[in-house]
Structures are given as structure tokens and as C-alpha cells.
Amino acid sequence: MADVRDEGRATPAVSGPGPSGKAPMREVLIEAAFQLFVEHGFERTTVDDIVARAGVGRRSFFRYFPSKEDVVFPDHERCLTEMSAFLATSTDGEPLDVICDAARLVMRMYAANPEFSVQRYRLTREVPSLRGYELSVVHRYERTLAHYLRQRYAGEPNGALRAEVEAAAIVAAHNNGLRTWLRSGGHGDGAKAVDQSLAFVRQTWGSADESAESGAAAAPESEEDDVVVIVAPRKAPLWRVVQKIEKTLGDD
């Protein structure tokens, strides 16, 4: 496995020490795990190795993480919960704008600890099982956004279809901007990169809406505008469609 070192040390997703001055057990386990992933590789590191490095028992590990893969993605459950809570209170405003704001919660989560986020990105590029796990998490974000949009578009012609497609497009665009920032080593303004990608989707859907109202196809505003057409089997899962979109947009 390729080296996933970031300036020679593992950087956990730390939330800071507790009142006693000690890091919370959850963060201790994350730090121990990433130290071992750097030293020995993900596949050769076991849960027993992690708890031995952390100086705790196996029960402590499984109290916080169902599996070794979960320790690589310790913050997504919290982010999904925050996203659901945000959407539950966002009953007004343009639906596409709302889910763009919801997607930005994910970027803020990554930007809160750039070193850890970059390490995790490099690790997932090298370990196929982690890439598969990451795709399943991405699909959960997509389902959360699509559920919100189906409620907002209820009763509209093709409302359910529009919800699924817009959610998939927003997730793919967000990930394109996020991974551009991660590939740079976490330098620069990641939020700006995500905003630019999300603007592409919003602009595309705005043009589509105007075309539907006028009955004519919208022409590109300039010769430099890109038109992306994705062809996928009818029964293809949405995560596969997202993969195709990301690949078309130039993602790894």
C-alpha cells in the first residue's frame, strides 16, 4: 500500500481534550488507528492492534465503532444527523438552494480538520474496501437530500424523478469540488471550490426550467460552457450514476 503519511504523523479528527485534560476515548482510538494505518497499512492493522496501541479493551472500541472501517469515517453519522435536522426545519425557500446549503455542511465538516481529511482521502484512494464504504456513505447523503426534495416537489409532474436527479447532481458536484480541494493537500479555499461546483448544477437546472416553460431548448450562454450528458441503464443504482457524473467532471 502506498504511504499515507502527512508530514510524518497521523492526525486524528480531534474535538479537543475533555475537562480532565485528556482526549475523549473516541479520539484516542481514532489517533491510535491512524498511527497504525500509517505505519503498517490499513489491511494489516487489526482491531486488536488498535486497542493495544490505545491501551484499552476491545469492548471500548466497539462501543464507539461497529467496525474497523467506521474508525476511518468517524464524523459522517453526526453530519448526517445535522443535515437531517437542517432539512427538517427548511420548509421555505427554493428547494435547490436548500439542498445546496445542506451539502455545504459536509464541506464544513472536512474543513474543520484539513490534515485529517487529506489523510483519509489518501487512504481511501489506496484501499478498495474503504472506497466502497465511502460510496455507501455518499449514497446515504444522496438519499437524505432526495427524501427532502420529494416532499417539496410532491404533486408536481415528474416530482419524484426531479428529486432523485437533482439530489444525485448536487452530491456529485459537491464531491467534485471537495476532492479538488483534497487533492491539493487541503490548501486554498475548499468552500469556494464546492460553491463553484454547486453553481454549475444550479445554473444547469435554471436553464432547464426556462426551457420547459418556453418549449424550446436552452442554448449555451457561451462557447466555453460545458454540456454533460450521462447515459446509464434504467435499473442502474444511483451511486453508479453518481460515479459516472464524477468521472465525467474529471474526478478520480
C-alpha atoms as a PDB file:
ATOM      1  CA  MET A   1       0.000   0.000   0.000  1.00  0.00           C
ATOM      2  CA  ALA A   2       1.277   3.481  -0.804  1.00  0.00           C
ATOM      3  CA  ASP A   3       2.430   5.724   2.007  1.00  0.00           C
ATOM      4  CA  VAL A   4      -0.362   7.798   3.536  1.00  0.00           C
ATOM      5  CA  ARG A   5       1.910   9.912   5.745  1.00  0.00           C
ATOM      6  CA  ASP A   6       1.141  13.591   6.089  1.00  0.00           C
ATOM      7  CA  GLU A   7       4.303  15.314   7.279  1.00  0.00           C
ATOM      8  CA  GLY A   8       5.275  12.146   9.136  1.00  0.00           C
ATOM      9  CA  ARG A   9       2.417  11.794  11.600  1.00  0.00           C
ATOM     10  CA  ALA A  10      -1.177  10.726  11.829  1.00  0.00           C
ATOM     11  CA  THR A  11      -3.667  13.481  12.560  1.00  0.00           C
ATOM     12  CA  PRO A  12      -6.923  12.410  14.194  1.00  0.00           C
ATOM     13  CA  ALA A  13     -10.290  14.111  13.910  1.00  0.00           C
ATOM     14  CA  VAL A  14      -9.850  15.652  17.331  1.00  0.00           C
ATOM     15  CA  SER A  15     -12.524  17.630  19.139  1.00  0.00           C
ATOM     16  CA  GLY A  16     -10.176  18.748  21.913  1.00  0.00           C
ATOM     17  CA  PRO A  17      -9.405  17.480  25.386  1.00  0.00           C
ATOM     18  CA  GLY A  18     -12.123  16.865  27.928  1.00  0.00           C
ATOM     19  CA  PRO A  19     -12.469  18.617  31.280  1.00  0.00           C
ATOM     20  CA  SER A  20      -9.803  16.332  32.769  1.00  0.00           C
ATOM     21  CA  GLY A  21      -7.275  17.405  30.134  1.00  0.00           C
ATOM     22  CA  LYS A  22      -7.389  14.003  28.442  1.00  0.00           C
ATOM     23  CA  ALA A  23      -8.661  13.449  24.918  1.00  0.00           C
ATOM     24  CA  PRO A  24     -12.020  11.623  24.757  1.00  0.00           C
ATOM     25  CA  MET A  25     -11.712   7.849  24.329  1.00  0.00           C
ATOM     26  CA  ARG A  26     -13.231   8.070  20.861  1.00  0.00           C
ATOM     27  CA  GLU A  27     -10.465  10.416  19.717  1.00  0.00           C
ATOM     28  CA  VAL A  28      -7.784   8.276  21.359  1.00  0.00           C
ATOM     29  CA  LEU A  29      -8.974   5.292  19.323  1.00  0.00           C
ATOM     30  CA  ILE A  30      -9.025   7.311  16.097  1.00  0.00           C
ATOM     31  CA  GLU A  31      -5.489   8.571  16.692  1.00  0.00           C
ATOM     32  CA  ALA A  32      -4.219   5.076  17.508  1.00  0.00           C
ATOM     33  CA  ALA A  33      -5.877   3.639  14.405  1.00  0.00           C
ATOM     34  CA  PHE A  34      -4.399   6.209  12.029  1.00  0.00           C
ATOM     35  CA  GLN A  35      -0.954   5.870  13.535  1.00  0.00           C
ATOM     36  CA  LEU A  36      -1.112   2.147  12.744  1.00  0.00           C
ATOM     37  CA  PHE A  37      -2.557   2.716   9.275  1.00  0.00           C
ATOM     38  CA  VAL A  38       0.427   4.978   8.530  1.00  0.00           C
ATOM     39  CA  GLU A  39       2.938   2.507   9.950  1.00  0.00           C
ATOM     40  CA  HIS A  40       1.552  -0.805   8.705  1.00  0.00           C
ATOM     41  CA  GLY A  41      -1.246  -0.107   6.241  1.00  0.00           C
ATOM     42  CA  PHE A  42      -4.984  -0.451   6.692  1.00  0.00           C
ATOM     43  CA  GLU A  43      -5.294  -4.099   5.687  1.00  0.00           C
ATOM     44  CA  ARG A  44      -2.531  -5.267   8.042  1.00  0.00           C
ATOM     45  CA  THR A  45      -3.930  -3.382  11.028  1.00  0.00           C
ATOM     46  CA  THR A  46      -6.434  -5.235  13.221  1.00  0.00           C
ATOM     47  CA  VAL A  47      -8.863  -4.039  15.869  1.00  0.00           C
ATOM     48  CA  ASP A  48      -6.654  -5.823  18.430  1.00  0.00           C
ATOM     49  CA  ASP A  49      -3.702  -3.739  17.210  1.00  0.00           C
ATOM     50  CA  ILE A  50      -5.710  -0.535  17.606  1.00  0.00           C
ATOM     51  CA  VAL A  51      -6.914  -1.221  21.150  1.00  0.00           C
ATOM     52  CA  ALA A  52      -3.429  -2.337  22.176  1.00  0.00           C
ATOM     53  CA  ARG A  53      -1.969   0.941  20.897  1.00  0.00           C
ATOM     54  CA  ALA A  54      -4.747   2.901  22.625  1.00  0.00           C
ATOM     55  CA  GLY A  55      -4.313   0.937  25.836  1.00  0.00           C
ATOM     56  CA  VAL A  56      -7.977  -0.095  26.116  1.00  0.00           C
ATOM     57  CA  GLY A  57     -10.036  -3.264  25.657  1.00  0.00           C
ATOM     58  CA  ARG A  58     -11.956  -4.456  22.592  1.00  0.00           C
ATOM     59  CA  ARG A  59     -15.255  -3.518  24.219  1.00  0.00           C
ATOM     60  CA  SER A  60     -14.153   0.104  24.287  1.00  0.00           C
ATOM     61  CA  PHE A  61     -13.521   0.050  20.549  1.00  0.00           C
ATOM     62  CA  PHE A  62     -16.879  -1.479  19.633  1.00  0.00           C
ATOM     63  CA  ARG A  63     -18.680   0.901  21.972  1.00  0.00           C
ATOM     64  CA  TYR A  64     -17.727   3.672  19.546  1.00  0.00           C
ATOM     65  CA  PHE A  65     -17.176   1.947  16.196  1.00  0.00           C
ATOM     66  CA  PRO A  66     -19.023  -1.044  14.713  1.00  0.00           C
ATOM     67  CA  SER A  67     -16.047  -1.958  12.512  1.00  0.00           C
ATOM     68  CA  LYS A  68     -12.506  -1.006  11.555  1.00  0.00           C
ATOM     69  CA  GLU A  69     -13.870   0.854   8.526  1.00  0.00           C
ATOM     70  CA  ASP A  70     -16.022   3.075  10.743  1.00  0.00           C
ATOM     71  CA  VAL A  71     -12.979   4.464  12.541  1.00  0.00           C
ATOM     72  CA  VAL A  72     -11.838   5.943   9.205  1.00  0.00           C
ATOM     73  CA  PHE A  73     -15.122   7.859   8.874  1.00  0.00           C
ATOM     74  CA  PRO A  74     -15.868   8.899  12.457  1.00  0.00           C
ATOM     75  CA  ASP A  75     -17.792  12.083  11.712  1.00  0.00           C
ATOM     76  CA  HIS A  76     -20.277  11.181   8.974  1.00  0.00           C
ATOM     77  CA  GLU A  77     -23.018   9.939  11.300  1.00  0.00           C
ATOM     78  CA  ARG A  78     -23.004  13.258  13.119  1.00  0.00           C
ATOM     79  CA  CYS A  79     -23.018  15.171   9.830  1.00  0.00           C
ATOM     80  CA  LEU A  80     -25.944  13.109   8.501  1.00  0.00           C
ATOM     81  CA  THR A  81     -27.860  13.869  11.689  1.00  0.00           C
ATOM     82  CA  GLU A  82     -27.125  17.584  11.358  1.00  0.00           C
ATOM     83  CA  MET A  83     -28.164  17.519   7.705  1.00  0.00           C
ATOM     84  CA  SER A  84     -31.472  15.818   8.519  1.00  0.00           C
ATOM     85  CA  ALA A  85     -32.180  18.332  11.286  1.00  0.00           C
ATOM     86  CA  PHE A  86     -31.350  21.246   8.967  1.00  0.00           C
ATOM     87  CA  LEU A  87     -33.641  19.956   6.224  1.00  0.00           C
ATOM     88  CA  ALA A  88     -36.464  19.269   8.675  1.00  0.00           C
ATOM     89  CA  THR A  89     -36.594  22.971   9.549  1.00  0.00           C
ATOM     90  CA  SER A  90     -36.075  24.256   5.981  1.00  0.00           C
ATOM     91  CA  THR A  91     -39.621  24.298   4.635  1.00  0.00           C
ATOM     92  CA  ASP A  92     -39.323  27.614   2.777  1.00  0.00           C
ATOM     93  CA  GLY A  93     -37.013  28.885   0.090  1.00  0.00           C
ATOM     94  CA  GLU A  94     -36.017  27.417  -3.252  1.00  0.00           C
ATOM     95  CA  PRO A  95     -35.595  23.634  -2.766  1.00  0.00           C
ATOM     96  CA  LEU A  96     -32.384  23.508  -4.815  1.00  0.00           C
ATOM     97  CA  ASP A  97     -30.877  26.322  -2.742  1.00  0.00           C
ATOM     98  CA  VAL A  98     -31.790  24.490   0.463  1.00  0.00           C
ATOM     99  CA  ILE A  99     -30.072  21.246  -0.518  1.00  0.00           C
ATOM    100  CA  CYS A 100     -27.003  23.189  -1.672  1.00  0.00           C
ATOM    101  CA  ASP A 101     -26.809  24.657   1.844  1.00  0.00           C
ATOM    102  CA  ALA A 102     -27.273  21.158   3.282  1.00  0.00           C
ATOM    103  CA  ALA A 103     -24.419  19.832   1.139  1.00  0.00           C
ATOM    104  CA  ARG A 104     -22.156  22.607   2.413  1.00  0.00           C
ATOM    105  CA  LEU A 105     -22.436  21.092   5.895  1.00  0.00           C
ATOM    106  CA  VAL A 106     -20.302  18.200   4.608  1.00  0.00           C
ATOM    107  CA  MET A 107     -17.624  20.560   3.287  1.00  0.00           C
ATOM    108  CA  ARG A 108     -17.520  22.357   6.629  1.00  0.00           C
ATOM    109  CA  MET A 109     -17.031  19.020   8.384  1.00  0.00           C
ATOM    110  CA  TYR A 110     -13.998  18.245   6.193  1.00  0.00           C
ATOM    111  CA  ALA A 111     -12.600  21.777   6.506  1.00  0.00           C
ATOM    112  CA  ALA A 112     -12.745  21.598  10.321  1.00  0.00           C
ATOM    113  CA  ASN A 113      -9.652  19.343  10.275  1.00  0.00           C
ATOM    114  CA  PRO A 114      -7.865  19.598   6.904  1.00  0.00           C
ATOM    115  CA  GLU A 115      -4.898  17.375   7.831  1.00  0.00           C
ATOM    116  CA  PHE A 116      -7.098  14.502   8.938  1.00  0.00           C
ATOM    117  CA  SER A 117      -9.374  14.927   5.909  1.00  0.00           C
ATOM    118  CA  VAL A 118      -6.427  14.795   3.499  1.00  0.00           C
ATOM    119  CA  GLN A 119      -5.015  11.719   5.224  1.00  0.00           C
ATOM    120  CA  ARG A 120      -8.349   9.966   4.995  1.00  0.00           C
ATOM    121  CA  TYR A 121      -8.687  10.888   1.325  1.00  0.00           C
ATOM    122  CA  ARG A 122      -5.269   9.428   0.521  1.00  0.00           C
ATOM    123  CA  LEU A 123      -6.077   6.297   2.487  1.00  0.00           C
ATOM    124  CA  THR A 124      -9.386   5.711   0.699  1.00  0.00           C
ATOM    125  CA  ARG A 125      -7.665   6.126  -2.697  1.00  0.00           C
ATOM    126  CA  GLU A 126      -5.413   3.187  -1.826  1.00  0.00           C
ATOM    127  CA  VAL A 127      -7.835   0.771  -0.114  1.00  0.00           C
ATOM    128  CA  PRO A 128     -10.691  -0.545  -2.307  1.00  0.00           C
ATOM    129  CA  SER A 129     -12.812  -1.634   0.660  1.00  0.00           C
ATOM    130  CA  LEU A 130     -12.700   1.899   2.058  1.00  0.00           C
ATOM    131  CA  ARG A 131     -13.661   3.354  -1.296  1.00  0.00           C
ATOM    132  CA  GLY A 132     -16.703   1.071  -1.321  1.00  0.00           C
ATOM    133  CA  TYR A 133     -17.559   2.113   2.229  1.00  0.00           C
ATOM    134  CA  GLU A 134     -17.217   5.767   1.266  1.00  0.00           C
ATOM    135  CA  LEU A 135     -19.609   5.280  -1.659  1.00  0.00           C
ATOM    136  CA  SER A 136     -22.196   3.822   0.700  1.00  0.00           C
ATOM    137  CA  VAL A 137     -21.902   6.936   2.890  1.00  0.00           C
ATOM    138  CA  VAL A 138     -22.230   9.175  -0.164  1.00  0.00           C
ATOM    139  CA  HIS A 139     -25.383   7.284  -1.119  1.00  0.00           C
ATOM    140  CA  ARG A 140     -26.859   7.983   2.324  1.00  0.00           C
ATOM    141  CA  TYR A 141     -26.309  11.720   1.862  1.00  0.00           C
ATOM    142  CA  GLU A 142     -27.955  11.457  -1.528  1.00  0.00           C
ATOM    143  CA  ARG A 143     -30.972   9.606  -0.118  1.00  0.00           C
ATOM    144  CA  THR A 144     -31.343  12.243   2.597  1.00  0.00           C
ATOM    145  CA  LEU A 145     -31.389  15.071   0.045  1.00  0.00           C
ATOM    146  CA  ALA A 146     -33.707  13.187  -2.316  1.00  0.00           C
ATOM    147  CA  HIS A 147     -36.175  12.498   0.515  1.00  0.00           C
ATOM    148  CA  TYR A 148     -36.373  16.222   1.251  1.00  0.00           C
ATOM    149  CA  LEU A 149     -36.863  17.118  -2.409  1.00  0.00           C
ATOM    150  CA  ARG A 150     -39.589  14.509  -2.918  1.00  0.00           C
ATOM    151  CA  GLN A 151     -41.543  16.206  -0.146  1.00  0.00           C
ATOM    152  CA  ARG A 152     -41.012  19.665  -1.670  1.00  0.00           C
ATOM    153  CA  TYR A 153     -41.928  18.502  -5.185  1.00  0.00           C
ATOM    154  CA  ALA A 154     -44.893  16.373  -4.123  1.00  0.00           C
ATOM    155  CA  GLY A 155     -47.763  16.767  -6.583  1.00  0.00           C
ATOM    156  CA  GLU A 156     -45.589  18.203  -9.358  1.00  0.00           C
ATOM    157  CA  PRO A 157     -45.265  16.380 -12.699  1.00  0.00           C
ATOM    158  CA  ASN A 158     -42.175  14.151 -12.503  1.00  0.00           C
ATOM    159  CA  GLY A 159     -41.551  15.499  -8.995  1.00  0.00           C
ATOM    160  CA  ALA A 160     -40.086  12.230  -7.704  1.00  0.00           C
ATOM    161  CA  LEU A 161     -37.802  11.909 -10.732  1.00  0.00           C
ATOM    162  CA  ARG A 162     -36.664  15.505 -10.408  1.00  0.00           C
ATOM    163  CA  ALA A 163     -35.874  14.925  -6.720  1.00  0.00           C
ATOM    164  CA  GLU A 164     -33.698  11.896  -7.446  1.00  0.00           C
ATOM    165  CA  VAL A 165     -31.803  13.536 -10.298  1.00  0.00           C
ATOM    166  CA  GLU A 166     -31.207  16.856  -8.533  1.00  0.00           C
ATOM    167  CA  ALA A 167     -30.006  15.122  -5.373  1.00  0.00           C
ATOM    168  CA  ALA A 168     -27.578  12.967  -7.370  1.00  0.00           C
ATOM    169  CA  ALA A 169     -26.300  16.004  -9.274  1.00  0.00           C
ATOM    170  CA  ILE A 170     -25.760  18.061  -6.110  1.00  0.00           C
ATOM    171  CA  VAL A 171     -23.857  15.245  -4.404  1.00  0.00           C
ATOM    172  CA  ALA A 172     -21.672  14.669  -7.462  1.00  0.00           C
ATOM    173  CA  ALA A 173     -20.940  18.400  -7.843  1.00  0.00           C
ATOM    174  CA  HIS A 174     -20.175  18.814  -4.138  1.00  0.00           C
ATOM    175  CA  ASN A 175     -17.790  15.857  -4.202  1.00  0.00           C
ATOM    176  CA  ASN A 176     -16.050  17.201  -7.282  1.00  0.00           C
ATOM    177  CA  GLY A 177     -15.271  20.484  -5.506  1.00  0.00           C
ATOM    178  CA  LEU A 178     -14.383  18.727  -2.251  1.00  0.00           C
ATOM    179  CA  ARG A 179     -11.974  16.299  -3.883  1.00  0.00           C
ATOM    180  CA  THR A 180     -10.331  19.068  -5.891  1.00  0.00           C
ATOM    181  CA  TRP A 181      -9.500  20.669  -2.551  1.00  0.00           C
ATOM    182  CA  LEU A 182      -8.376  17.363  -1.003  1.00  0.00           C
ATOM    183  CA  ARG A 183      -6.094  16.598  -3.946  1.00  0.00           C
ATOM    184  CA  SER A 184      -4.417  19.967  -3.372  1.00  0.00           C
ATOM    185  CA  GLY A 185      -3.479  18.791   0.117  1.00  0.00           C
ATOM    186  CA  GLY A 186      -6.215  20.839   1.772  1.00  0.00           C
ATOM    187  CA  HIS A 187      -4.745  24.145   0.644  1.00  0.00           C
ATOM    188  CA  GLY A 188      -6.782  27.066  -0.581  1.00  0.00           C
ATOM    189  CA  ASP A 189     -10.490  27.718  -0.119  1.00  0.00           C
ATOM    190  CA  GLY A 190     -12.329  24.402  -0.235  1.00  0.00           C
ATOM    191  CA  ALA A 191     -15.700  26.070   0.343  1.00  0.00           C
ATOM    192  CA  LYS A 192     -15.163  28.208  -2.744  1.00  0.00           C
ATOM    193  CA  ALA A 193     -14.362  25.140  -4.859  1.00  0.00           C
ATOM    194  CA  VAL A 194     -17.570  23.480  -3.662  1.00  0.00           C
ATOM    195  CA  ASP A 195     -19.605  26.640  -4.305  1.00  0.00           C
ATOM    196  CA  GLN A 196     -18.336  26.783  -7.884  1.00  0.00           C
ATOM    197  CA  SER A 197     -19.349  23.173  -8.487  1.00  0.00           C
ATOM    198  CA  LEU A 198     -22.778  23.690  -6.925  1.00  0.00           C
ATOM    199  CA  ALA A 199     -23.279  26.830  -9.029  1.00  0.00           C
ATOM    200  CA  PHE A 200     -22.790  24.696 -12.145  1.00  0.00           C
ATOM    201  CA  VAL A 201     -25.711  22.454 -11.148  1.00  0.00           C
ATOM    202  CA  ARG A 202     -27.938  25.373 -10.171  1.00  0.00           C
ATOM    203  CA  GLN A 203     -27.221  27.125 -13.444  1.00  0.00           C
ATOM    204  CA  THR A 204     -27.929  23.954 -15.393  1.00  0.00           C
ATOM    205  CA  TRP A 205     -31.275  23.358 -13.705  1.00  0.00           C
ATOM    206  CA  GLY A 206     -32.234  27.015 -14.060  1.00  0.00           C
ATOM    207  CA  SER A 207     -31.670  26.753 -17.806  1.00  0.00           C
ATOM    208  CA  ALA A 208     -33.680  23.524 -17.922  1.00  0.00           C
ATOM    209  CA  ASP A 209     -36.631  25.139 -16.123  1.00  0.00           C
ATOM    210  CA  GLU A 210     -36.662  28.095 -18.501  1.00  0.00           C
ATOM    211  CA  SER A 211     -36.565  25.734 -21.485  1.00  0.00           C
ATOM    212  CA  ALA A 212     -39.525  23.765 -20.192  1.00  0.00           C
ATOM    213  CA  GLU A 213     -41.560  26.947 -19.786  1.00  0.00           C
ATOM    214  CA  SER A 214     -40.697  28.297 -23.235  1.00  0.00           C
ATOM    215  CA  GLY A 215     -40.925  24.942 -25.003  1.00  0.00           C
ATOM    216  CA  ALA A 216     -37.512  25.425 -26.566  1.00  0.00           C
ATOM    217  CA  ALA A 217     -34.092  24.011 -25.726  1.00  0.00           C
ATOM    218  CA  ALA A 218     -31.830  26.393 -23.869  1.00  0.00           C
ATOM    219  CA  ALA A 219     -28.698  27.371 -25.780  1.00  0.00           C
ATOM    220  CA  PRO A 220     -25.336  27.580 -24.034  1.00  0.00           C
ATOM    221  CA  GLU A 221     -24.515  31.100 -22.879  1.00  0.00           C
ATOM    222  CA  SER A 222     -21.067  30.933 -24.434  1.00  0.00           C
ATOM    223  CA  GLU A 223     -18.839  28.622 -26.389  1.00  0.00           C
ATOM    224  CA  GLU A 224     -16.947  27.832 -23.196  1.00  0.00           C
ATOM    225  CA  ASP A 225     -19.990  26.325 -21.408  1.00  0.00           C
ATOM    226  CA  ASP A 226     -19.855  22.561 -20.956  1.00  0.00           C
ATOM    227  CA  VAL A 227     -22.806  20.285 -21.617  1.00  0.00           C
ATOM    228  CA  VAL A 228     -22.619  16.956 -19.807  1.00  0.00           C
ATOM    229  CA  VAL A 229     -24.841  14.061 -20.922  1.00  0.00           C
ATOM    230  CA  ILE A 230     -24.825  10.901 -18.818  1.00  0.00           C
ATOM    231  CA  VAL A 231     -26.231   7.648 -20.223  1.00  0.00           C
ATOM    232  CA  ALA A 232     -26.948   4.881 -17.733  1.00  0.00           C
ATOM    233  CA  PRO A 233     -29.074   1.705 -17.731  1.00  0.00           C
ATOM    234  CA  ARG A 234     -32.628   2.250 -16.470  1.00  0.00           C
ATOM    235  CA  LYS A 235     -32.083  -0.019 -13.457  1.00  0.00           C
ATOM    236  CA  ALA A 236     -28.600   1.269 -12.593  1.00  0.00           C
ATOM    237  CA  PRO A 237     -28.295   2.206  -8.888  1.00  0.00           C
ATOM    238  CA  LEU A 238     -27.962   5.919  -8.190  1.00  0.00           C
ATOM    239  CA  TRP A 239     -24.468   5.513  -6.722  1.00  0.00           C
ATOM    240  CA  ARG A 240     -23.353   4.141 -10.093  1.00  0.00           C
ATOM    241  CA  VAL A 241     -24.840   7.192 -11.850  1.00  0.00           C
ATOM    242  CA  VAL A 242     -23.000   9.435  -9.377  1.00  0.00           C
ATOM    243  CA  GLN A 243     -19.742   7.642 -10.220  1.00  0.00           C
ATOM    244  CA  LYS A 244     -20.298   8.345 -13.922  1.00  0.00           C
ATOM    245  CA  ILE A 245     -21.010  12.024 -13.225  1.00  0.00           C
ATOM    246  CA  GLU A 246     -17.880  12.358 -11.091  1.00  0.00           C
ATOM    247  CA  LYS A 247     -15.760  10.667 -13.750  1.00  0.00           C
ATOM    248  CA  THR A 248     -17.172  12.950 -16.447  1.00  0.00           C
ATOM    249  CA  LEU A 249     -16.415  16.012 -14.333  1.00  0.00           C
ATOM    250  CA  GLY A 250     -12.806  14.881 -14.051  1.00  0.00           C
ATOM    251  CA  ASP A 251     -12.819  13.238 -10.622  1.00  0.00           C
ATOM    252  CA  ASP A 252     -10.530  10.312  -9.724  1.00  0.00           C
END
